[in-house]
Amino acid sequence: MGRARSLADLLASLERRVAAGETAGLPPESPEPSPEPAPCALPPGHRCRSGWHLRRDGGQGTAYGRCPRWRAERAEAVAREVPGAQTFDSFERLREPEAFQAARAWAEACQAGFGSQGSTLALLRPETLETNTGCGKTHLLRAAARELARGGRWVELVTAPELTAVVRGRALYDPFERSEAEIQAKRWSRADVLILDDLGQEETAGPVTAGFLVGLLEQREGRALGWSSNLGEAGLQARYGAPLVSRLLSRALVPGLRGRDYRRSRG
């Protein structure tokens, strides 16, 4: 067995390899640490801690407001939770220009306030088309949801499978599933903006779904709503009945859709 190398020998060998540029196999240098964010501008005696701006009060901190930086970071995290990566910038606006402009205008109105005329966006199939599958309805709704969440609005984006689960869960005797459905339904009723994507694709029967949605929209008291469907108004009437369709289309912004399937055109 050869003689064990001393620490001095190992260091000398390492120095020679570095001098000769033989650094292969060595661990990479640590990246530069990220710069610390600029501290919040606060009055004397105030401090920012755990997302709150605090002030001195007899030795105990008293919360008086959320940190704006914390709000921005949380809003960005919520925006990243919206499925997919669709944005308004990534939408091919020339394909559906009217729908694009309507979705942008609706998102801006939702940021400004709720309950005013035009607080509903309806992306449904025109009666003159056989289908509007693949024309970007989901893209526009997700883009709006992401932008609104980034702006600090509470947005609930509901897909057809999620709507199915809640409507079905509320009808079950299983206490756990029923309670989960009730919690989710309560969140939808309280959100600043509710988005229903692909109405008509849920697995529950039309009248049962309609009964739930009528009650849900009544609880929301006119707050912002966006929804899409591959059905036309007549198809919605046949599936859900007049009471729900009246609420879905009340004061709604209904842009015309060309119905060109971009999935086929890209193939």
Protein backbone atom coordinates (compact mmCIF):
# COMPACT_ATOMS: atom_id res chain seq x y z
CA MET A 1 0.00 0.00 0.00
CA GLY A 2 1.39 3.40 -0.97
CA ARG A 3 2.18 6.11 1.53
CA ALA A 4 -0.82 8.26 2.49
CA ARG A 5 -0.60 11.79 1.09
CA SER A 6 -0.32 14.61 3.59
CA LEU A 7 -2.64 17.62 3.63
CA ALA A 8 0.20 19.78 2.36
CA ASP A 9 0.66 17.49 -0.66
CA LEU A 10 -3.05 17.64 -1.49
CA LEU A 11 -3.10 21.44 -1.29
CA ALA A 12 -0.01 21.75 -3.45
CA SER A 13 -1.54 19.43 -6.04
CA LEU A 14 -4.76 21.45 -6.08
CA GLU A 15 -2.84 24.70 -6.56
CA ARG A 16 -0.97 23.23 -9.53
CA ARG A 17 -4.23 22.08 -11.18
CA VAL A 18 -5.83 25.50 -10.74
CA ALA A 19 -2.76 27.23 -12.14
CA ALA A 20 -2.81 24.92 -15.17
CA GLY A 21 -6.55 25.45 -15.73
CA GLU A 22 -7.35 21.84 -14.82
CA THR A 23 -10.51 22.52 -12.88
CA ALA A 24 -12.61 19.73 -14.41
CA GLY A 25 -14.40 17.72 -11.78
CA LEU A 26 -14.23 20.47 -9.17
CA PRO A 27 -17.52 21.69 -7.69
CA PRO A 28 -18.87 24.80 -9.43
CA GLU A 29 -18.49 28.13 -7.74
CA SER A 30 -21.47 29.21 -5.69
CA PRO A 31 -23.68 31.73 -7.50
CA GLU A 32 -23.77 35.27 -6.28
CA PRO A 33 -26.35 35.64 -3.51
CA SER A 34 -29.56 37.37 -4.56
CA PRO A 35 -29.70 40.98 -3.44
CA GLU A 36 -31.87 41.62 -0.43
CA PRO A 37 -35.12 43.45 -1.27
CA ALA A 38 -35.17 47.10 -0.36
CA PRO A 39 -36.66 47.66 3.11
CA CYS A 40 -40.09 49.21 3.37
CA ALA A 41 -40.17 52.96 3.96
CA LEU A 42 -41.72 53.24 7.42
CA PRO A 43 -42.12 56.03 10.01
CA PRO A 44 -39.82 56.00 13.06
CA GLY A 45 -40.75 53.32 15.55
CA HIS A 46 -42.45 51.14 12.92
CA ARG A 47 -41.21 47.86 11.49
CA CYS A 48 -42.10 45.28 8.84
CA ARG A 49 -42.45 41.75 10.10
CA SER A 50 -44.09 38.60 8.72
CA GLY A 51 -46.11 40.51 6.14
CA TRP A 52 -47.39 43.15 8.56
CA HIS A 53 -46.36 46.71 9.31
CA LEU A 54 -46.15 47.04 13.08
CA ARG A 55 -45.81 49.94 15.51
CA ARG A 56 -44.68 50.11 19.08
CA ASP A 57 -47.44 49.90 21.65
CA GLY A 58 -46.32 49.46 25.24
CA GLY A 59 -43.73 46.89 24.24
CA GLN A 60 -46.15 44.87 22.10
CA GLY A 61 -46.36 45.23 18.33
CA THR A 62 -49.79 46.22 17.04
CA ALA A 63 -50.71 45.30 13.45
CA TYR A 64 -52.03 48.24 11.50
CA GLY A 65 -51.72 47.15 7.89
CA ARG A 66 -50.48 44.56 5.46
CA CYS A 67 -47.09 45.08 3.91
CA PRO A 68 -47.50 46.14 0.25
CA ARG A 69 -44.47 44.08 -0.72
CA TRP A 70 -46.00 41.02 0.95
CA ARG A 71 -49.28 41.62 -0.90
CA ALA A 72 -47.47 41.81 -4.23
CA GLU A 73 -45.51 38.61 -3.55
CA ARG A 74 -48.65 36.75 -2.49
CA ALA A 75 -50.60 37.98 -5.53
CA GLU A 76 -47.81 36.78 -7.81
CA ALA A 77 -47.83 33.36 -6.11
CA VAL A 78 -51.62 33.09 -6.56
CA ALA A 79 -51.30 34.07 -10.23
CA ARG A 80 -48.82 31.22 -10.76
CA GLU A 81 -51.45 28.78 -9.45
CA VAL A 82 -53.76 29.49 -12.40
CA PRO A 83 -53.49 26.40 -14.66
CA GLY A 84 -51.38 26.66 -17.79
CA ALA A 85 -49.30 29.64 -18.84
CA GLN A 86 -51.84 31.55 -20.97
CA THR A 87 -51.64 35.35 -21.00
CA PHE A 88 -53.19 38.07 -23.11
CA ASP A 89 -49.82 38.66 -24.75
CA SER A 90 -49.59 35.02 -25.88
CA PHE A 91 -53.08 35.04 -27.44
CA GLU A 92 -53.26 35.27 -31.24
CA ARG A 93 -55.58 38.25 -31.13
CA LEU A 94 -56.18 38.37 -34.89
CA ARG A 95 -57.80 34.94 -34.68
CA GLU A 96 -60.60 36.15 -32.37
CA PRO A 97 -60.20 39.94 -32.18
CA GLU A 98 -63.64 40.72 -30.76
CA ALA A 99 -63.33 38.14 -27.98
CA PHE A 100 -59.82 39.35 -27.19
CA GLN A 101 -60.91 42.97 -26.83
CA ALA A 102 -63.95 41.97 -24.77
CA ALA A 103 -61.89 39.83 -22.37
CA ARG A 104 -59.34 42.61 -21.88
CA ALA A 105 -62.09 45.18 -21.27
CA TRP A 106 -63.84 42.85 -18.82
CA ALA A 107 -60.63 42.21 -16.86
CA GLU A 108 -60.00 45.96 -16.62
CA ALA A 109 -63.56 46.53 -15.41
CA CYS A 110 -63.12 43.81 -12.78
CA GLN A 111 -59.97 45.49 -11.52
CA ALA A 112 -61.77 48.82 -11.27
CA GLY A 113 -64.84 47.56 -9.38
CA PHE A 114 -67.75 45.17 -9.36
CA GLY A 115 -71.48 45.17 -9.83
CA SER A 116 -71.54 47.67 -12.69
CA GLN A 117 -72.99 47.09 -16.13
CA GLY A 118 -70.84 44.73 -18.13
CA SER A 119 -69.58 42.81 -15.07
CA THR A 120 -70.28 39.51 -16.88
CA LEU A 121 -68.27 38.11 -19.78
CA ALA A 122 -69.98 35.36 -21.78
CA LEU A 123 -68.00 33.39 -24.37
CA LEU A 124 -70.62 31.13 -25.92
CA ARG A 125 -71.22 29.67 -29.34
CA PRO A 126 -73.11 31.91 -31.78
CA GLU A 127 -76.22 30.23 -33.15
CA THR A 128 -74.82 30.54 -36.67
CA LEU A 129 -71.90 28.22 -35.84
CA GLU A 130 -71.96 24.47 -35.39
CA THR A 131 -69.14 24.62 -32.81
CA ASN A 132 -66.59 27.00 -31.35
CA THR A 133 -64.20 24.42 -29.94
CA GLY A 134 -60.56 25.47 -30.01
CA CYS A 135 -61.10 29.19 -30.60
CA GLY A 136 -59.33 30.31 -27.41
CA LYS A 137 -62.10 30.67 -24.82
CA THR A 138 -60.15 28.89 -22.09
CA HIS A 139 -57.02 30.81 -23.02
CA LEU A 140 -58.77 34.15 -22.56
CA LEU A 141 -60.43 33.15 -19.29
CA ARG A 142 -57.15 31.91 -17.82
CA ALA A 143 -55.34 35.02 -19.00
CA ALA A 144 -57.96 37.19 -17.30
CA ALA A 145 -57.80 35.10 -14.12
CA ARG A 146 -54.01 35.38 -14.00
CA GLU A 147 -54.06 39.15 -14.55
CA LEU A 148 -56.76 39.72 -11.95
CA ALA A 149 -55.02 37.51 -9.38
CA ARG A 150 -51.77 39.38 -9.99
CA GLY A 151 -53.70 42.60 -9.33
CA GLY A 152 -54.81 41.33 -5.93
CA ARG A 153 -58.35 40.21 -6.76
CA TRP A 154 -59.77 37.00 -5.32
CA VAL A 155 -60.49 34.86 -8.38
CA GLU A 156 -62.02 31.39 -8.44
CA LEU A 157 -61.56 29.52 -11.75
CA VAL A 158 -63.98 26.58 -11.93
CA THR A 159 -63.68 23.85 -14.57
CA ALA A 160 -66.43 21.43 -15.60
CA PRO A 161 -64.93 18.53 -13.56
CA GLU A 162 -64.69 20.74 -10.47
CA LEU A 163 -68.29 21.87 -10.89
CA THR A 164 -69.33 18.23 -11.27
CA ALA A 165 -67.57 17.26 -8.04
CA VAL A 166 -69.22 20.01 -5.99
CA VAL A 167 -72.74 19.50 -7.36
CA ARG A 168 -72.44 15.74 -6.85
CA GLY A 169 -70.83 16.08 -3.42
CA ARG A 170 -73.65 18.26 -2.11
CA ALA A 171 -76.14 15.51 -2.98
CA LEU A 172 -74.24 12.71 -1.20
CA TYR A 173 -74.88 11.45 2.31
CA ASP A 174 -71.16 11.05 2.97
CA PRO A 175 -70.45 13.82 5.52
CA PHE A 176 -66.84 14.36 4.45
CA GLU A 177 -67.56 14.75 0.74
CA ARG A 178 -70.58 16.90 1.43
CA SER A 179 -68.66 19.20 3.77
CA GLU A 180 -65.84 19.55 1.23
CA ALA A 181 -68.37 20.49 -1.44
CA GLU A 182 -70.01 23.04 0.85
CA ILE A 183 -66.66 24.66 1.65
CA GLN A 184 -65.81 24.95 -2.03
CA ALA A 185 -69.24 26.34 -2.89
CA LYS A 186 -68.87 28.96 -0.16
CA ARG A 187 -65.52 30.04 -1.62
CA TRP A 188 -67.11 30.45 -5.05
CA SER A 189 -69.93 32.52 -3.57
CA ARG A 190 -67.54 34.95 -1.85
CA ALA A 191 -64.85 35.40 -4.52
CA ASP A 192 -64.43 38.80 -6.16
CA VAL A 193 -64.48 37.15 -9.59
CA LEU A 194 -65.98 33.78 -10.49
CA ILE A 195 -65.00 32.11 -13.78
CA LEU A 196 -66.89 29.06 -15.07
CA ASP A 197 -64.99 27.39 -17.89
CA ASP A 198 -66.79 25.10 -20.35
CA LEU A 199 -70.35 25.06 -19.06
CA GLY A 200 -72.25 22.12 -20.51
CA GLN A 201 -69.41 19.63 -20.08
CA GLU A 202 -70.13 18.76 -16.44
CA GLU A 203 -71.32 15.20 -15.83
CA THR A 204 -74.23 16.03 -13.54
CA ALA A 205 -77.72 16.43 -14.99
CA GLY A 206 -78.61 19.83 -16.40
CA PRO A 207 -81.50 20.64 -14.02
CA VAL A 208 -79.43 19.63 -10.97
CA THR A 209 -76.49 21.78 -12.08
CA ALA A 210 -78.84 24.64 -12.92
CA GLY A 211 -80.42 24.55 -9.46
CA PHE A 212 -77.00 24.82 -7.84
CA LEU A 213 -75.79 27.61 -10.14
CA VAL A 214 -78.95 29.68 -9.72
CA GLY A 215 -78.46 29.61 -5.96
CA LEU A 216 -74.75 30.35 -6.30
CA LEU A 217 -75.29 33.37 -8.55
CA GLU A 218 -78.00 34.69 -6.23
CA GLN A 219 -75.53 34.57 -3.33
CA ARG A 220 -72.94 36.48 -5.35
CA GLU A 221 -75.29 39.46 -5.68
CA GLY A 222 -74.10 40.58 -9.09
CA ARG A 223 -70.34 40.36 -8.53
CA ALA A 224 -68.12 39.76 -11.54
CA LEU A 225 -68.69 36.60 -13.55
CA GLY A 226 -66.96 35.14 -16.59
CA TRP A 227 -67.99 31.94 -18.32
CA SER A 228 -67.63 29.97 -21.52
CA SER A 229 -69.56 27.23 -23.29
CA ASN A 230 -69.54 25.32 -26.54
CA LEU A 231 -73.32 25.59 -26.48
CA GLY A 232 -75.35 28.39 -28.01
CA GLU A 233 -78.13 30.20 -26.18
CA ALA A 234 -80.73 27.71 -27.40
CA GLY A 235 -78.57 24.80 -26.25
CA LEU A 236 -78.11 26.41 -22.85
CA GLN A 237 -81.87 26.91 -22.55
CA ALA A 238 -82.47 23.25 -23.39
CA ARG A 239 -79.90 22.00 -20.88
CA TYR A 240 -80.38 24.37 -17.94
CA GLY A 241 -83.69 26.15 -18.41
CA ALA A 242 -84.58 29.83 -18.64
CA PRO A 243 -83.89 30.93 -15.01
CA LEU A 244 -80.17 30.13 -15.15
CA VAL A 245 -79.67 31.40 -18.71
CA SER A 246 -81.32 34.69 -17.75
CA ARG A 247 -78.84 35.12 -14.91
CA LEU A 248 -75.86 34.09 -17.03
CA LEU A 249 -76.66 36.61 -19.76
CA SER A 250 -77.94 39.46 -17.61
CA ARG A 251 -75.93 42.61 -18.51
CA ALA A 252 -73.35 40.34 -20.10
CA LEU A 253 -70.68 41.29 -22.59
CA VAL A 254 -71.14 38.74 -25.39
CA PRO A 255 -68.51 39.08 -28.13
CA GLY A 256 -68.93 37.37 -31.47
CA LEU A 257 -66.74 34.34 -32.09
CA ARG A 258 -65.51 33.08 -35.44
CA GLY A 259 -65.14 29.55 -34.12
CA ARG A 260 -61.95 28.64 -35.97
CA ASP A 261 -60.27 25.63 -34.35
CA TYR A 262 -56.63 26.62 -33.89
CA ARG A 263 -55.70 23.04 -32.91
CA ARG A 264 -56.52 21.87 -36.44
CA SER A 265 -55.00 24.88 -38.15
CA ARG A 266 -51.70 24.32 -36.35
CA GLY A 267 -51.61 20.71 -37.51
